Amino acid sequence: MPADISHKLDEFIAAYLPTAQHMELAVDRYDGQSLRLHAPLAPSINDKLTAFGGSIYVVAVMTCWGMVYLRCVEAGLDPDIVVAKAEIDYLLPVNDDIVAESVPALDDQWEHFFHSFDDRGRGKIELCSQVIVRGEVAARFKGIYAIVGVK
């Protein structure tokens, strides 16, 4: 297993993403195949004492974005990543901390992503994440992420 580089994502959030900072978003676990992010409920609570839908979206979208970011860092890239398309299904209220985990992509999807970037300077990959509350899926997210260059 490669060295743990998850701190790189926490450092990126601290340097560039004030919304995620306010939400106290942080890496919970990264193993090279999947990423889990955590945000406490308190900064995102709404009048129903559940997480604001926008906050749930931020954690879900950032889980997949972070997966792309960390895979790029492992490949020696300082990537410029954008979300090209995204959708979320809210299934249950989130009345606890917001925890999202990326669904592992197949190795050939990652290979195609990096090969496209090497050939054309751009690459796309579709990734999914799930927001989990007490063992149940509260939201499902799917997005297309593109690396459009390096810094």
N, C-alpha and C. Protein backbone atom coordinates (compact mmCIF):
# COMPACT_ATOMS: atom_id res chain seq x y z
N MET A 1 0.84 -1.18 0.00
CA MET A 1 0.00 0.00 0.00
C MET A 1 0.89 1.24 0.00
N PRO A 2 0.54 2.26 -0.82
CA PRO A 2 1.36 3.46 -0.87
C PRO A 2 1.31 4.24 0.44
N ALA A 3 2.25 5.16 0.59
CA ALA A 3 2.28 6.00 1.78
C ALA A 3 1.00 6.81 1.88
N ASP A 4 0.56 7.08 3.10
CA ASP A 4 -0.67 7.85 3.31
C ASP A 4 -0.42 9.31 2.93
N ILE A 5 -1.15 9.76 1.93
CA ILE A 5 -1.01 11.14 1.46
C ILE A 5 -2.28 11.94 1.71
N SER A 6 -3.19 11.39 2.50
CA SER A 6 -4.48 12.05 2.71
C SER A 6 -4.34 13.45 3.30
N HIS A 7 -3.25 13.70 4.02
CA HIS A 7 -3.03 15.04 4.58
C HIS A 7 -2.95 16.10 3.47
N LYS A 8 -2.57 15.69 2.27
CA LYS A 8 -2.49 16.64 1.15
C LYS A 8 -3.86 17.23 0.85
N LEU A 9 -4.91 16.43 0.94
CA LEU A 9 -6.26 16.93 0.71
C LEU A 9 -6.69 17.86 1.85
N ASP A 10 -6.41 17.50 3.08
CA ASP A 10 -6.71 18.39 4.21
C ASP A 10 -5.98 19.73 4.03
N GLU A 11 -4.73 19.69 3.57
CA GLU A 11 -3.96 20.92 3.35
C GLU A 11 -4.58 21.75 2.23
N PHE A 12 -5.06 21.11 1.16
CA PHE A 12 -5.70 21.82 0.05
C PHE A 12 -6.97 22.51 0.54
N ILE A 13 -7.79 21.80 1.30
CA ILE A 13 -9.02 22.37 1.86
C ILE A 13 -8.68 23.59 2.71
N ALA A 14 -7.68 23.46 3.58
CA ALA A 14 -7.29 24.56 4.47
C ALA A 14 -6.79 25.78 3.69
N ALA A 15 -6.17 25.55 2.55
CA ALA A 15 -5.60 26.65 1.78
C ALA A 15 -6.58 27.32 0.82
N TYR A 16 -7.54 26.55 0.27
CA TYR A 16 -8.31 27.07 -0.85
C TYR A 16 -9.84 26.99 -0.75
N LEU A 17 -10.40 26.30 0.22
CA LEU A 17 -11.85 26.05 0.20
C LEU A 17 -12.53 26.54 1.48
N PRO A 18 -12.87 27.84 1.54
CA PRO A 18 -13.45 28.38 2.77
C PRO A 18 -14.79 27.75 3.15
N THR A 19 -15.60 27.35 2.20
CA THR A 19 -16.87 26.69 2.54
C THR A 19 -16.60 25.38 3.26
N ALA A 20 -15.69 24.59 2.71
CA ALA A 20 -15.33 23.31 3.34
C ALA A 20 -14.66 23.54 4.69
N GLN A 21 -13.88 24.61 4.82
CA GLN A 21 -13.27 24.94 6.11
C GLN A 21 -14.35 25.23 7.14
N HIS A 22 -15.34 26.05 6.77
CA HIS A 22 -16.42 26.40 7.68
C HIS A 22 -17.16 25.14 8.14
N MET A 23 -17.32 24.21 7.23
CA MET A 23 -18.02 22.95 7.54
C MET A 23 -17.15 21.99 8.35
N GLU A 24 -15.86 22.34 8.52
CA GLU A 24 -14.90 21.49 9.23
C GLU A 24 -14.72 20.15 8.53
N LEU A 25 -14.76 20.19 7.20
CA LEU A 25 -14.59 18.99 6.38
C LEU A 25 -13.17 18.47 6.49
N ALA A 26 -13.03 17.17 6.70
CA ALA A 26 -11.70 16.57 6.86
C ALA A 26 -11.71 15.13 6.37
N VAL A 27 -10.53 14.68 6.00
CA VAL A 27 -10.35 13.29 5.60
C VAL A 27 -10.51 12.40 6.83
N ASP A 28 -11.33 11.38 6.68
CA ASP A 28 -11.49 10.37 7.72
C ASP A 28 -10.64 9.14 7.41
N ARG A 29 -10.60 8.77 6.09
CA ARG A 29 -9.83 7.58 5.70
C ARG A 29 -9.59 7.62 4.20
N TYR A 30 -8.39 7.21 3.81
CA TYR A 30 -8.06 7.06 2.39
C TYR A 30 -7.16 5.84 2.27
N ASP A 31 -7.50 4.95 1.31
CA ASP A 31 -6.70 3.74 1.13
C ASP A 31 -6.23 3.54 -0.31
N GLY A 32 -6.37 4.56 -1.14
CA GLY A 32 -5.97 4.44 -2.53
C GLY A 32 -7.10 4.00 -3.44
N GLN A 33 -8.09 3.34 -2.89
CA GLN A 33 -9.25 2.88 -3.67
C GLN A 33 -10.51 3.67 -3.32
N SER A 34 -10.57 4.13 -2.09
CA SER A 34 -11.75 4.84 -1.61
C SER A 34 -11.33 5.93 -0.62
N LEU A 35 -12.16 6.95 -0.56
CA LEU A 35 -11.92 8.08 0.34
C LEU A 35 -13.18 8.31 1.16
N ARG A 36 -13.00 8.54 2.46
CA ARG A 36 -14.12 8.89 3.32
C ARG A 36 -13.83 10.26 3.94
N LEU A 37 -14.81 11.17 3.78
CA LEU A 37 -14.71 12.50 4.37
C LEU A 37 -15.76 12.64 5.46
N HIS A 38 -15.46 13.51 6.41
CA HIS A 38 -16.33 13.72 7.57
C HIS A 38 -16.50 15.21 7.82
N ALA A 39 -17.73 15.61 8.11
CA ALA A 39 -18.02 16.98 8.55
C ALA A 39 -19.02 16.89 9.70
N PRO A 40 -18.74 17.56 10.81
CA PRO A 40 -19.69 17.53 11.93
C PRO A 40 -21.01 18.19 11.53
N LEU A 41 -22.07 17.77 12.16
CA LEU A 41 -23.40 18.29 11.85
C LEU A 41 -23.54 19.77 12.22
N ALA A 42 -22.99 20.18 13.35
CA ALA A 42 -23.26 21.52 13.90
C ALA A 42 -23.11 22.68 12.90
N PRO A 43 -22.02 22.78 12.12
CA PRO A 43 -21.91 23.92 11.21
C PRO A 43 -22.91 23.88 10.04
N SER A 44 -23.58 22.76 9.84
CA SER A 44 -24.46 22.58 8.69
C SER A 44 -25.92 22.31 9.08
N ILE A 45 -26.24 22.49 10.34
CA ILE A 45 -27.58 22.13 10.81
C ILE A 45 -28.62 23.14 10.30
N ASN A 46 -29.81 22.63 10.03
CA ASN A 46 -30.88 23.51 9.55
C ASN A 46 -31.99 23.58 10.61
N ASP A 47 -33.11 24.21 10.25
CA ASP A 47 -34.21 24.39 11.18
C ASP A 47 -34.92 23.09 11.56
N LYS A 48 -34.66 22.02 10.83
CA LYS A 48 -35.25 20.71 11.12
C LYS A 48 -34.32 19.84 11.96
N LEU A 49 -33.18 20.44 12.36
CA LEU A 49 -32.14 19.76 13.13
C LEU A 49 -31.50 18.62 12.35
N THR A 50 -31.47 18.79 11.03
CA THR A 50 -30.77 17.87 10.14
C THR A 50 -29.77 18.67 9.30
N ALA A 51 -28.96 17.98 8.56
CA ALA A 51 -27.97 18.65 7.72
C ALA A 51 -28.65 19.33 6.54
N PHE A 52 -28.23 20.55 6.25
CA PHE A 52 -28.67 21.30 5.10
C PHE A 52 -28.30 20.53 3.83
N GLY A 53 -29.23 20.43 2.88
CA GLY A 53 -28.99 19.68 1.65
C GLY A 53 -27.75 20.13 0.91
N GLY A 54 -27.48 21.42 0.91
CA GLY A 54 -26.28 21.93 0.25
C GLY A 54 -25.00 21.43 0.89
N SER A 55 -25.03 21.28 2.21
CA SER A 55 -23.86 20.76 2.92
C SER A 55 -23.64 19.29 2.60
N ILE A 56 -24.74 18.54 2.53
CA ILE A 56 -24.63 17.13 2.15
C ILE A 56 -24.00 17.03 0.76
N TYR A 57 -24.45 17.89 -0.15
CA TYR A 57 -23.92 17.92 -1.51
C TYR A 57 -22.42 18.22 -1.49
N VAL A 58 -22.02 19.23 -0.71
CA VAL A 58 -20.59 19.60 -0.65
C VAL A 58 -19.75 18.41 -0.22
N VAL A 59 -20.16 17.70 0.81
CA VAL A 59 -19.37 16.57 1.30
C VAL A 59 -19.34 15.46 0.24
N ALA A 60 -20.48 15.20 -0.39
CA ALA A 60 -20.52 14.14 -1.42
C ALA A 60 -19.66 14.50 -2.63
N VAL A 61 -19.79 15.72 -3.13
CA VAL A 61 -19.02 16.14 -4.31
C VAL A 61 -17.52 16.18 -3.99
N MET A 62 -17.18 16.65 -2.78
CA MET A 62 -15.77 16.73 -2.40
C MET A 62 -15.14 15.37 -2.16
N THR A 63 -15.94 14.39 -1.80
CA THR A 63 -15.40 13.05 -1.62
C THR A 63 -14.87 12.52 -2.95
N CYS A 64 -15.64 12.69 -4.00
CA CYS A 64 -15.17 12.24 -5.33
C CYS A 64 -14.06 13.14 -5.85
N TRP A 65 -14.22 14.46 -5.67
CA TRP A 65 -13.18 15.40 -6.11
C TRP A 65 -11.87 15.06 -5.40
N GLY A 66 -11.96 14.81 -4.10
CA GLY A 66 -10.77 14.46 -3.33
C GLY A 66 -10.14 13.17 -3.79
N MET A 67 -10.96 12.23 -4.21
CA MET A 67 -10.43 10.97 -4.73
C MET A 67 -9.60 11.23 -5.98
N VAL A 68 -10.11 12.06 -6.88
CA VAL A 68 -9.35 12.42 -8.09
C VAL A 68 -8.06 13.15 -7.69
N TYR A 69 -8.19 14.09 -6.79
CA TYR A 69 -7.03 14.87 -6.36
C TYR A 69 -5.93 13.97 -5.79
N LEU A 70 -6.32 13.08 -4.87
CA LEU A 70 -5.30 12.23 -4.25
C LEU A 70 -4.69 11.24 -5.24
N ARG A 71 -5.50 10.70 -6.15
CA ARG A 71 -4.93 9.79 -7.17
C ARG A 71 -3.95 10.55 -8.07
N CYS A 72 -4.26 11.80 -8.38
CA CYS A 72 -3.35 12.61 -9.19
C CYS A 72 -2.05 12.91 -8.43
N VAL A 73 -2.18 13.25 -7.15
CA VAL A 73 -0.99 13.51 -6.33
C VAL A 73 -0.11 12.26 -6.29
N GLU A 74 -0.74 11.09 -6.13
CA GLU A 74 0.03 9.84 -6.14
C GLU A 74 0.76 9.64 -7.46
N ALA A 75 0.17 10.15 -8.55
CA ALA A 75 0.79 10.03 -9.88
C ALA A 75 1.81 11.14 -10.14
N GLY A 76 2.06 11.99 -9.14
CA GLY A 76 3.06 13.04 -9.28
C GLY A 76 2.53 14.31 -9.94
N LEU A 77 1.21 14.49 -9.97
CA LEU A 77 0.61 15.65 -10.61
C LEU A 77 0.07 16.62 -9.57
N ASP A 78 0.12 17.91 -9.89
CA ASP A 78 -0.57 18.95 -9.12
C ASP A 78 -1.74 19.37 -10.00
N PRO A 79 -2.89 18.69 -9.88
CA PRO A 79 -3.94 18.78 -10.89
C PRO A 79 -4.84 20.01 -10.78
N ASP A 80 -5.38 20.38 -11.92
CA ASP A 80 -6.46 21.36 -12.00
C ASP A 80 -7.71 20.56 -12.35
N ILE A 81 -8.58 20.36 -11.38
CA ILE A 81 -9.74 19.46 -11.51
C ILE A 81 -11.02 20.28 -11.49
N VAL A 82 -11.96 19.91 -12.35
CA VAL A 82 -13.29 20.52 -12.34
C VAL A 82 -14.34 19.42 -12.30
N VAL A 83 -15.51 19.78 -11.80
CA VAL A 83 -16.67 18.90 -11.84
C VAL A 83 -17.43 19.27 -13.12
N ALA A 84 -17.53 18.31 -14.05
CA ALA A 84 -18.17 18.58 -15.34
C ALA A 84 -19.68 18.34 -15.28
N LYS A 85 -20.11 17.41 -14.46
CA LYS A 85 -21.53 17.08 -14.33
C LYS A 85 -21.72 16.41 -12.98
N ALA A 86 -22.87 16.68 -12.34
CA ALA A 86 -23.11 16.08 -11.02
C ALA A 86 -24.59 15.95 -10.75
N GLU A 87 -24.93 14.89 -10.00
CA GLU A 87 -26.31 14.73 -9.56
C GLU A 87 -26.31 14.01 -8.23
N ILE A 88 -27.34 14.31 -7.44
CA ILE A 88 -27.45 13.70 -6.11
C ILE A 88 -28.90 13.31 -5.86
N ASP A 89 -29.06 12.20 -5.18
CA ASP A 89 -30.38 11.76 -4.72
C ASP A 89 -30.34 11.76 -3.20
N TYR A 90 -31.26 12.51 -2.61
CA TYR A 90 -31.39 12.56 -1.16
C TYR A 90 -32.42 11.51 -0.75
N LEU A 91 -32.00 10.55 0.05
CA LEU A 91 -32.85 9.42 0.40
C LEU A 91 -33.39 9.46 1.82
N LEU A 92 -32.58 9.95 2.74
CA LEU A 92 -32.95 10.02 4.16
C LEU A 92 -32.42 11.31 4.76
N PRO A 93 -33.08 11.83 5.81
CA PRO A 93 -32.52 12.99 6.49
C PRO A 93 -31.19 12.62 7.16
N VAL A 94 -30.29 13.56 7.19
CA VAL A 94 -28.99 13.36 7.85
C VAL A 94 -29.06 14.11 9.18
N ASN A 95 -29.29 13.37 10.24
CA ASN A 95 -29.42 13.98 11.57
C ASN A 95 -28.24 13.64 12.47
N ASP A 96 -27.10 13.43 11.84
CA ASP A 96 -25.85 13.14 12.53
C ASP A 96 -24.74 13.77 11.68
N ASP A 97 -23.50 13.55 12.05
CA ASP A 97 -22.40 14.08 11.24
C ASP A 97 -22.53 13.61 9.80
N ILE A 98 -22.03 14.43 8.88
CA ILE A 98 -22.09 14.10 7.46
C ILE A 98 -20.84 13.31 7.11
N VAL A 99 -21.03 12.06 6.72
CA VAL A 99 -19.93 11.17 6.36
C VAL A 99 -20.22 10.63 4.96
N ALA A 100 -19.28 10.86 4.05
CA ALA A 100 -19.44 10.35 2.68
C ALA A 100 -18.23 9.51 2.33
N GLU A 101 -18.49 8.44 1.58
CA GLU A 101 -17.43 7.55 1.13
C GLU A 101 -17.56 7.35 -0.37
N SER A 102 -16.42 7.43 -1.04
CA SER A 102 -16.43 7.21 -2.49
C SER A 102 -16.58 5.72 -2.78
N VAL A 103 -17.26 5.43 -3.86
CA VAL A 103 -17.41 4.06 -4.34
C VAL A 103 -16.19 3.78 -5.22
N PRO A 104 -15.43 2.72 -4.95
CA PRO A 104 -14.22 2.47 -5.74
C PRO A 104 -14.51 2.35 -7.23
N ALA A 105 -13.69 3.04 -8.02
CA ALA A 105 -13.75 2.92 -9.48
C ALA A 105 -12.86 1.76 -9.90
N LEU A 106 -13.15 1.19 -11.04
CA LEU A 106 -12.34 0.09 -11.56
C LEU A 106 -10.97 0.61 -11.99
N ASP A 107 -9.96 -0.25 -11.88
CA ASP A 107 -8.61 0.15 -12.27
C ASP A 107 -8.54 0.61 -13.71
N ASP A 108 -9.30 -0.02 -14.62
CA ASP A 108 -9.24 0.40 -16.03
C ASP A 108 -9.85 1.78 -16.24
N GLN A 109 -10.78 2.20 -15.37
CA GLN A 109 -11.30 3.56 -15.45
C GLN A 109 -10.22 4.57 -15.10
N TRP A 110 -9.43 4.28 -14.07
CA TRP A 110 -8.33 5.17 -13.70
C TRP A 110 -7.26 5.17 -14.79
N GLU A 111 -6.97 4.00 -15.35
CA GLU A 111 -5.97 3.92 -16.42
C GLU A 111 -6.39 4.76 -17.62
N HIS A 112 -7.66 4.67 -17.99
CA HIS A 112 -8.19 5.46 -19.11
C HIS A 112 -8.10 6.96 -18.79
N PHE A 113 -8.45 7.33 -17.58
CA PHE A 113 -8.39 8.73 -17.13
C PHE A 113 -6.97 9.29 -17.29
N PHE A 114 -5.99 8.58 -16.76
CA PHE A 114 -4.61 9.08 -16.83
C PHE A 114 -4.04 8.98 -18.25
N HIS A 115 -4.41 7.93 -19.00
CA HIS A 115 -3.96 7.81 -20.38
C HIS A 115 -4.50 8.96 -21.22
N SER A 116 -5.76 9.30 -21.04
CA SER A 116 -6.35 10.43 -21.77
C SER A 116 -5.63 11.73 -21.42
N PHE A 117 -5.31 11.90 -20.14
CA PHE A 117 -4.59 13.11 -19.75
C PHE A 117 -3.20 13.14 -20.39
N ASP A 118 -2.51 12.01 -20.38
CA ASP A 118 -1.18 11.95 -21.00
C ASP A 118 -1.23 12.26 -22.49
N ASP A 119 -2.27 11.75 -23.17
CA ASP A 119 -2.38 11.94 -24.62
C ASP A 119 -2.89 13.31 -25.02
N ARG A 120 -3.89 13.83 -24.29
CA ARG A 120 -4.57 15.05 -24.73
C ARG A 120 -4.48 16.21 -23.75
N GLY A 121 -3.90 15.98 -22.59
CA GLY A 121 -3.84 17.03 -21.60
C GLY A 121 -5.14 17.22 -20.84
N ARG A 122 -6.07 16.30 -21.05
CA ARG A 122 -7.38 16.30 -20.37
C ARG A 122 -7.81 14.86 -20.15
N GLY A 123 -8.53 14.64 -19.09
CA GLY A 123 -9.07 13.32 -18.82
C GLY A 123 -10.33 13.44 -18.01
N LYS A 124 -11.27 12.51 -18.20
CA LYS A 124 -12.54 12.50 -17.45
C LYS A 124 -12.74 11.15 -16.80
N ILE A 125 -13.41 11.17 -15.66
CA ILE A 125 -13.78 9.95 -14.97
C ILE A 125 -15.10 10.17 -14.22
N GLU A 126 -15.96 9.16 -14.24
CA GLU A 126 -17.20 9.23 -13.48
C GLU A 126 -16.99 8.52 -12.15
N LEU A 127 -17.33 9.20 -11.08
CA LEU A 127 -17.18 8.65 -9.74
C LEU A 127 -18.48 8.82 -8.95
N CYS A 128 -18.66 7.96 -7.98
CA CYS A 128 -19.85 7.98 -7.14
C CYS A 128 -19.43 8.01 -5.67
N SER A 129 -20.30 8.58 -4.86
CA SER A 129 -20.11 8.52 -3.41
C SER A 129 -21.47 8.33 -2.75
N GLN A 130 -21.40 7.93 -1.48
CA GLN A 130 -22.61 7.73 -0.69
C GLN A 130 -22.44 8.43 0.65
N VAL A 131 -23.49 9.10 1.08
CA VAL A 131 -23.51 9.66 2.43
C VAL A 131 -24.20 8.63 3.31
N ILE A 132 -23.53 8.27 4.38
CA ILE A 132 -23.99 7.19 5.26
C ILE A 132 -24.35 7.76 6.63
N VAL A 133 -25.51 7.39 7.14
CA VAL A 133 -25.93 7.77 8.49
C VAL A 133 -26.34 6.50 9.22
N ARG A 134 -25.62 6.21 10.28
CA ARG A 134 -25.89 5.01 11.10
C ARG A 134 -26.07 3.76 10.25
N GLY A 135 -25.17 3.57 9.29
CA GLY A 135 -25.17 2.37 8.47
C GLY A 135 -26.12 2.39 7.29
N GLU A 136 -26.89 3.45 7.12
CA GLU A 136 -27.83 3.53 6.00
C GLU A 136 -27.39 4.59 5.00
N VAL A 137 -27.68 4.34 3.73
CA VAL A 137 -27.36 5.31 2.68
C VAL A 137 -28.40 6.43 2.73
N ALA A 138 -27.95 7.64 3.03
CA ALA A 138 -28.84 8.80 3.12
C ALA A 138 -28.84 9.61 1.83
N ALA A 139 -27.77 9.50 1.04
CA ALA A 139 -27.70 10.21 -0.25
C ALA A 139 -26.74 9.46 -1.16
N ARG A 140 -27.07 9.48 -2.45
CA ARG A 140 -26.20 8.90 -3.48
C ARG A 140 -25.82 10.01 -4.44
N PHE A 141 -24.52 10.10 -4.73
CA PHE A 141 -23.98 11.14 -5.60
C PHE A 141 -23.25 10.50 -6.77
N LYS A 142 -23.37 11.13 -7.95
CA LYS A 142 -22.61 10.69 -9.12
C LYS A 142 -22.13 11.94 -9.84
N GLY A 143 -20.86 11.94 -10.21
CA GLY A 143 -20.31 13.10 -10.91
C GLY A 143 -19.26 12.71 -11.92
N ILE A 144 -19.10 13.57 -12.90
CA ILE A 144 -18.02 13.43 -13.88
C ILE A 144 -17.00 14.49 -13.55
N TYR A 145 -15.77 14.05 -13.36
CA TYR A 145 -14.66 14.92 -12.98
C TYR A 145 -13.66 14.96 -14.12
N ALA A 146 -13.13 16.14 -14.35
CA ALA A 146 -12.15 16.30 -15.42
C ALA A 146 -10.89 16.94 -14.89
N ILE A 147 -9.78 16.40 -15.30
CA ILE A 147 -8.50 17.07 -15.07
C ILE A 147 -8.23 17.86 -16.35
N VAL A 148 -8.11 19.16 -16.19
CA VAL A 148 -7.97 20.03 -17.37
C VAL A 148 -6.56 20.60 -17.49
N GLY A 149 -5.69 20.19 -16.63
CA GLY A 149 -4.30 20.65 -16.68
C GLY A 149 -3.64 20.43 -15.35
N VAL A 150 -2.43 20.91 -15.25
CA VAL A 150 -1.68 20.85 -14.01
C VAL A 150 -1.16 22.24 -13.72
N LYS A 151 -0.90 22.47 -12.46
CA LYS A 151 -0.42 23.79 -12.03
C LYS A 151 1.07 23.84 -12.10
